[in-house]
């Protein structure tokens, strides 16, 4: 679901609304939709490098998410298994869409695919 628009410079920095008057001075800028999902859940295992990278990726982008530790929470582990039919972490569920056993490149592609879906 697309609910906002962000503007980024050619260097990747986001331009806030107070800077809109300065956009004419930028060599290049890109306008792209920003997805604001209703629910993001990240199933993780502690000390999992891919899990930590996924958390970092989400935090760097200001995406709010719920963390579920599948090693300490039996219900979370069972839910992850039911969603994915496997036990590898990380697993992310975004408004019902699931990506299992991924790295940040795969997460980036998954997120872009979700952003391009019609609202």
N, C-alpha and C. Protein backbone atom coordinates (compact mmCIF):
# COMPACT_ATOMS: atom_id res chain seq x y z
N UNK A 1 0.84 -1.16 0.00
CA UNK A 1 0.00 0.00 0.00
C UNK A 1 0.90 1.24 0.00
N UNK A 2 0.68 2.12 -0.95
CA UNK A 2 1.45 3.35 -1.06
C UNK A 2 0.67 4.46 -0.37
N UNK A 3 1.30 5.12 0.59
CA UNK A 3 0.59 6.16 1.31
C UNK A 3 1.35 7.47 1.38
N UNK A 4 2.53 7.53 0.80
CA UNK A 4 3.34 8.73 0.93
C UNK A 4 4.29 8.80 -0.26
N UNK A 5 4.90 9.93 -0.45
CA UNK A 5 5.90 10.12 -1.50
C UNK A 5 7.16 10.62 -0.82
N UNK A 6 8.29 10.09 -1.23
CA UNK A 6 9.57 10.58 -0.72
C UNK A 6 10.39 11.07 -1.90
N UNK A 7 11.24 12.00 -1.64
CA UNK A 7 12.12 12.51 -2.67
C UNK A 7 13.54 12.29 -2.19
N UNK A 8 14.35 11.70 -3.03
CA UNK A 8 15.74 11.44 -2.67
C UNK A 8 16.65 12.10 -3.69
N UNK A 9 17.78 12.56 -3.21
CA UNK A 9 18.78 13.13 -4.11
C UNK A 9 19.51 12.01 -4.80
N UNK A 10 20.36 12.37 -5.73
CA UNK A 10 21.15 11.37 -6.43
C UNK A 10 22.07 10.61 -5.48
N UNK A 11 22.32 11.15 -4.30
CA UNK A 11 23.19 10.50 -3.33
C UNK A 11 22.42 9.64 -2.34
N UNK A 12 21.10 9.54 -2.51
CA UNK A 12 20.30 8.67 -1.68
C UNK A 12 19.68 9.32 -0.46
N UNK A 13 20.05 10.55 -0.15
CA UNK A 13 19.50 11.22 1.02
C UNK A 13 18.08 11.69 0.78
N UNK A 14 17.24 11.51 1.78
CA UNK A 14 15.84 11.94 1.65
C UNK A 14 15.75 13.44 1.85
N UNK A 15 14.92 14.06 1.06
CA UNK A 15 14.72 15.50 1.12
C UNK A 15 13.40 15.75 1.82
N UNK A 16 13.41 16.46 2.93
CA UNK A 16 12.20 16.76 3.68
C UNK A 16 11.40 17.87 3.03
N UNK A 17 10.16 18.05 3.48
CA UNK A 17 9.28 19.04 2.88
C UNK A 17 9.85 20.46 3.01
N UNK A 18 10.60 20.74 4.08
CA UNK A 18 11.14 22.08 4.23
C UNK A 18 12.22 22.38 3.20
N UNK A 19 12.68 21.35 2.53
CA UNK A 19 13.72 21.54 1.52
C UNK A 19 13.14 21.58 0.10
N UNK A 20 11.84 21.51 -0.03
CA UNK A 20 11.23 21.46 -1.36
C UNK A 20 11.65 22.65 -2.22
N UNK A 21 11.81 23.84 -1.62
CA UNK A 21 12.21 25.02 -2.39
C UNK A 21 13.61 24.88 -2.94
N UNK A 22 14.42 24.04 -2.30
CA UNK A 22 15.80 23.86 -2.74
C UNK A 22 15.95 22.82 -3.83
N UNK A 23 14.87 22.12 -4.18
CA UNK A 23 14.98 21.05 -5.17
C UNK A 23 15.48 21.54 -6.52
N UNK A 24 15.17 22.76 -6.88
CA UNK A 24 15.60 23.29 -8.17
C UNK A 24 17.12 23.34 -8.25
N UNK A 25 17.78 23.43 -7.11
CA UNK A 25 19.24 23.53 -7.12
C UNK A 25 19.91 22.16 -7.22
N UNK A 26 19.16 21.08 -7.05
CA UNK A 26 19.74 19.74 -7.14
C UNK A 26 19.95 19.35 -8.60
N UNK A 27 21.05 18.68 -8.86
CA UNK A 27 21.30 18.19 -10.21
C UNK A 27 20.28 17.13 -10.60
N UNK A 28 20.05 16.20 -9.70
CA UNK A 28 19.12 15.12 -9.95
C UNK A 28 18.36 14.82 -8.67
N UNK A 29 17.12 14.50 -8.80
CA UNK A 29 16.38 13.97 -7.66
C UNK A 29 15.39 12.95 -8.20
N UNK A 30 14.97 12.06 -7.33
CA UNK A 30 14.09 10.98 -7.71
C UNK A 30 12.87 11.01 -6.78
N UNK A 31 11.71 10.87 -7.37
CA UNK A 31 10.49 10.79 -6.59
C UNK A 31 10.04 9.34 -6.66
N UNK A 32 9.78 8.75 -5.51
CA UNK A 32 9.32 7.37 -5.49
C UNK A 32 8.33 7.19 -4.35
N UNK A 33 7.44 6.21 -4.52
CA UNK A 33 6.44 5.97 -3.48
C UNK A 33 7.07 5.29 -2.27
N UNK A 34 6.53 5.58 -1.11
CA UNK A 34 6.99 4.96 0.13
C UNK A 34 5.86 4.09 0.65
N UNK A 35 6.16 2.83 0.86
CA UNK A 35 5.15 1.91 1.35
C UNK A 35 5.11 1.99 2.87
N UNK A 36 3.93 2.10 3.41
CA UNK A 36 3.75 2.10 4.87
C UNK A 36 2.82 0.94 5.21
N UNK A 37 3.40 -0.24 5.42
CA UNK A 37 2.57 -1.41 5.70
C UNK A 37 1.88 -1.31 7.07
N UNK A 38 0.78 -2.03 7.18
CA UNK A 38 0.04 -2.06 8.44
C UNK A 38 0.75 -2.94 9.46
N UNK A 39 1.33 -4.05 8.99
CA UNK A 39 1.99 -4.97 9.92
C UNK A 39 3.22 -5.59 9.28
N UNK A 40 4.34 -5.50 9.98
CA UNK A 40 5.58 -6.15 9.56
C UNK A 40 6.05 -6.99 10.74
N UNK A 41 6.22 -8.27 10.50
CA UNK A 41 6.70 -9.17 11.55
C UNK A 41 7.95 -9.88 11.05
N UNK A 42 8.98 -9.89 11.88
CA UNK A 42 10.25 -10.50 11.53
C UNK A 42 10.54 -11.65 12.49
N UNK A 43 10.55 -12.86 11.97
CA UNK A 43 10.87 -14.05 12.75
C UNK A 43 12.38 -14.23 12.71
N UNK A 44 13.01 -14.28 13.88
CA UNK A 44 14.47 -14.34 13.94
C UNK A 44 14.95 -15.43 14.88
N UNK A 45 16.26 -15.69 14.79
CA UNK A 45 16.99 -16.50 15.76
C UNK A 45 18.14 -15.63 16.26
N UNK A 46 18.33 -15.56 17.59
CA UNK A 46 19.44 -14.76 18.11
C UNK A 46 20.77 -15.26 17.54
N UNK A 47 21.70 -14.37 17.39
CA UNK A 47 23.04 -14.67 16.88
C UNK A 47 23.03 -15.13 15.43
N UNK A 48 21.96 -14.86 14.73
CA UNK A 48 21.85 -15.17 13.30
C UNK A 48 22.26 -13.92 12.53
N UNK A 49 23.34 -14.01 11.78
CA UNK A 49 23.83 -12.85 11.03
C UNK A 49 22.83 -12.29 10.04
N UNK A 50 22.13 -13.17 9.30
CA UNK A 50 21.14 -12.70 8.33
C UNK A 50 19.97 -12.02 9.03
N UNK A 51 19.62 -12.52 10.21
CA UNK A 51 18.54 -11.91 10.98
C UNK A 51 18.93 -10.50 11.42
N UNK A 52 20.16 -10.35 11.89
CA UNK A 52 20.64 -9.03 12.32
C UNK A 52 20.69 -8.07 11.14
N UNK A 53 21.13 -8.55 9.98
CA UNK A 53 21.16 -7.70 8.78
C UNK A 53 19.76 -7.28 8.37
N UNK A 54 18.80 -8.17 8.50
CA UNK A 54 17.41 -7.83 8.17
C UNK A 54 16.89 -6.76 9.13
N UNK A 55 17.19 -6.91 10.42
CA UNK A 55 16.78 -5.89 11.40
C UNK A 55 17.43 -4.55 11.09
N UNK A 56 18.72 -4.57 10.76
CA UNK A 56 19.43 -3.33 10.41
C UNK A 56 18.80 -2.68 9.18
N UNK A 57 18.46 -3.49 8.18
CA UNK A 57 17.86 -2.99 6.93
C UNK A 57 16.55 -2.27 7.24
N UNK A 58 15.72 -2.90 8.06
CA UNK A 58 14.43 -2.31 8.42
C UNK A 58 14.62 -1.02 9.23
N UNK A 59 15.52 -1.05 10.20
CA UNK A 59 15.75 0.12 11.05
C UNK A 59 16.32 1.29 10.24
N UNK A 60 17.25 1.01 9.33
CA UNK A 60 17.84 2.07 8.50
C UNK A 60 16.80 2.80 7.68
N UNK A 61 15.73 2.11 7.35
CA UNK A 61 14.67 2.69 6.53
C UNK A 61 13.49 3.20 7.36
N UNK A 62 13.62 3.11 8.66
CA UNK A 62 12.57 3.60 9.55
C UNK A 62 11.30 2.78 9.50
N UNK A 63 11.42 1.52 9.17
CA UNK A 63 10.25 0.64 9.06
C UNK A 63 9.98 0.02 10.43
N UNK A 64 8.78 0.21 10.92
CA UNK A 64 8.39 -0.36 12.21
C UNK A 64 8.06 -1.84 12.01
N UNK A 65 8.55 -2.66 12.93
CA UNK A 65 8.31 -4.10 12.80
C UNK A 65 8.28 -4.74 14.19
N UNK A 66 7.68 -5.92 14.24
CA UNK A 66 7.63 -6.73 15.45
C UNK A 66 8.64 -7.86 15.28
N UNK A 67 9.44 -8.10 16.30
CA UNK A 67 10.42 -9.19 16.27
C UNK A 67 9.87 -10.38 17.04
N UNK A 68 9.95 -11.55 16.42
CA UNK A 68 9.53 -12.78 17.07
C UNK A 68 10.73 -13.74 17.10
N UNK A 69 11.19 -14.05 18.29
CA UNK A 69 12.34 -14.94 18.49
C UNK A 69 11.85 -16.38 18.47
N UNK A 70 12.14 -17.11 17.41
CA UNK A 70 11.61 -18.47 17.26
C UNK A 70 12.35 -19.50 18.10
N UNK A 71 13.48 -19.11 18.69
CA UNK A 71 14.17 -20.07 19.57
C UNK A 71 13.62 -20.04 20.99
N UNK A 72 13.05 -18.92 21.40
CA UNK A 72 12.51 -18.79 22.76
C UNK A 72 11.00 -18.77 22.84
N UNK A 73 10.33 -18.69 21.70
CA UNK A 73 8.88 -18.58 21.66
C UNK A 73 8.32 -19.71 20.79
N UNK A 74 7.79 -20.72 21.46
CA UNK A 74 7.30 -21.91 20.74
C UNK A 74 6.18 -21.55 19.78
N UNK A 75 5.28 -20.68 20.19
CA UNK A 75 4.16 -20.29 19.32
C UNK A 75 4.68 -19.59 18.07
N UNK A 76 5.69 -18.74 18.22
CA UNK A 76 6.28 -18.05 17.07
C UNK A 76 6.94 -19.05 16.13
N UNK A 77 7.65 -20.03 16.69
CA UNK A 77 8.29 -21.06 15.88
C UNK A 77 7.25 -21.85 15.09
N UNK A 78 6.16 -22.22 15.76
CA UNK A 78 5.09 -22.98 15.08
C UNK A 78 4.43 -22.15 14.00
N UNK A 79 4.24 -20.87 14.27
CA UNK A 79 3.64 -19.99 13.27
C UNK A 79 4.56 -19.83 12.06
N UNK A 80 5.86 -19.65 12.31
CA UNK A 80 6.82 -19.54 11.20
C UNK A 80 6.80 -20.80 10.36
N UNK A 81 6.77 -21.95 11.00
CA UNK A 81 6.71 -23.23 10.29
C UNK A 81 5.43 -23.34 9.46
N UNK A 82 4.31 -22.91 10.03
CA UNK A 82 3.04 -22.95 9.31
C UNK A 82 3.05 -22.00 8.11
N UNK A 83 3.68 -20.83 8.27
CA UNK A 83 3.74 -19.85 7.17
C UNK A 83 4.65 -20.29 6.03
N UNK A 84 5.76 -20.95 6.38
CA UNK A 84 6.81 -21.19 5.38
C UNK A 84 7.11 -22.65 5.10
N UNK A 85 6.62 -23.55 5.95
CA UNK A 85 6.90 -24.97 5.82
C UNK A 85 8.41 -25.27 5.93
N UNK A 86 9.12 -24.45 6.69
CA UNK A 86 10.55 -24.65 6.92
C UNK A 86 10.94 -23.95 8.23
N UNK A 87 12.16 -24.17 8.70
CA UNK A 87 12.58 -23.63 9.99
C UNK A 87 13.75 -22.66 9.91
N UNK A 88 14.14 -22.25 8.71
CA UNK A 88 15.26 -21.32 8.56
C UNK A 88 14.82 -19.88 8.84
N UNK A 89 15.71 -19.11 9.41
CA UNK A 89 15.45 -17.70 9.68
C UNK A 89 16.48 -16.87 8.90
N UNK A 90 16.14 -15.64 8.61
CA UNK A 90 14.94 -14.91 9.00
C UNK A 90 13.75 -15.20 8.09
N UNK A 91 12.58 -14.84 8.60
CA UNK A 91 11.33 -14.86 7.83
C UNK A 91 10.66 -13.53 8.11
N UNK A 92 10.17 -12.90 7.06
CA UNK A 92 9.45 -11.64 7.23
C UNK A 92 8.06 -11.80 6.65
N UNK A 93 7.09 -11.26 7.37
CA UNK A 93 5.71 -11.21 6.90
C UNK A 93 5.29 -9.74 6.87
N UNK A 94 4.91 -9.28 5.70
CA UNK A 94 4.49 -7.88 5.51
C UNK A 94 3.06 -7.91 4.99
N UNK A 95 2.14 -7.53 5.86
CA UNK A 95 0.72 -7.50 5.49
C UNK A 95 0.28 -8.78 4.78
N UNK A 96 0.72 -9.93 5.30
CA UNK A 96 0.31 -11.21 4.75
C UNK A 96 1.23 -11.78 3.68
N UNK A 97 2.16 -10.99 3.17
CA UNK A 97 3.12 -11.47 2.17
C UNK A 97 4.36 -11.96 2.91
N UNK A 98 4.87 -13.15 2.53
CA UNK A 98 5.94 -13.79 3.29
C UNK A 98 7.18 -14.00 2.42
N UNK A 99 8.34 -13.72 3.02
CA UNK A 99 9.63 -14.02 2.43
C UNK A 99 10.41 -14.81 3.47
N UNK A 100 10.91 -15.99 3.08
CA UNK A 100 11.59 -16.86 4.03
C UNK A 100 13.05 -17.06 3.65
N UNK A 101 13.89 -17.21 4.69
CA UNK A 101 15.29 -17.56 4.54
C UNK A 101 15.97 -16.69 3.48
N UNK A 102 16.16 -15.41 3.80
CA UNK A 102 16.61 -14.43 2.81
C UNK A 102 17.82 -13.66 3.29
N UNK A 103 18.46 -12.98 2.33
CA UNK A 103 19.50 -12.01 2.67
C UNK A 103 18.96 -10.62 2.33
N UNK A 104 19.74 -9.58 2.58
CA UNK A 104 19.22 -8.23 2.38
C UNK A 104 18.98 -7.89 0.92
N UNK A 105 19.72 -8.50 0.01
CA UNK A 105 19.44 -8.26 -1.42
C UNK A 105 18.07 -8.81 -1.79
N UNK A 106 17.75 -9.99 -1.29
CA UNK A 106 16.44 -10.57 -1.55
C UNK A 106 15.35 -9.76 -0.86
N UNK A 107 15.63 -9.25 0.34
CA UNK A 107 14.67 -8.41 1.05
C UNK A 107 14.40 -7.12 0.27
N UNK A 108 15.44 -6.54 -0.27
CA UNK A 108 15.29 -5.32 -1.09
C UNK A 108 14.37 -5.57 -2.28
N UNK A 109 14.59 -6.67 -2.99
CA UNK A 109 13.75 -7.01 -4.16
C UNK A 109 12.30 -7.28 -3.72
N UNK A 110 12.14 -8.01 -2.62
CA UNK A 110 10.81 -8.30 -2.08
C UNK A 110 10.08 -7.01 -1.74
N UNK A 111 10.78 -6.09 -1.08
CA UNK A 111 10.16 -4.82 -0.67
C UNK A 111 9.77 -4.00 -1.89
N UNK A 112 10.64 -3.95 -2.90
CA UNK A 112 10.32 -3.20 -4.12
C UNK A 112 9.11 -3.79 -4.82
N UNK A 113 9.02 -5.12 -4.82
CA UNK A 113 7.85 -5.78 -5.41
C UNK A 113 6.58 -5.37 -4.68
N UNK A 114 6.65 -5.33 -3.35
CA UNK A 114 5.47 -4.90 -2.56
C UNK A 114 5.12 -3.44 -2.85
N UNK A 115 6.12 -2.59 -2.99
CA UNK A 115 5.87 -1.17 -3.29
C UNK A 115 5.19 -0.98 -4.63
N UNK A 116 5.47 -1.89 -5.57
CA UNK A 116 4.91 -1.74 -6.92
C UNK A 116 3.54 -2.37 -7.08
N UNK A 117 3.04 -3.03 -6.04
CA UNK A 117 1.70 -3.61 -6.10
C UNK A 117 0.67 -2.49 -5.99
N UNK A 118 -0.42 -2.62 -6.74
CA UNK A 118 -1.48 -1.60 -6.62
C UNK A 118 -2.09 -1.61 -5.22
N UNK A 119 -2.48 -0.44 -4.76
CA UNK A 119 -3.06 -0.31 -3.41
C UNK A 119 -4.43 -0.93 -3.32
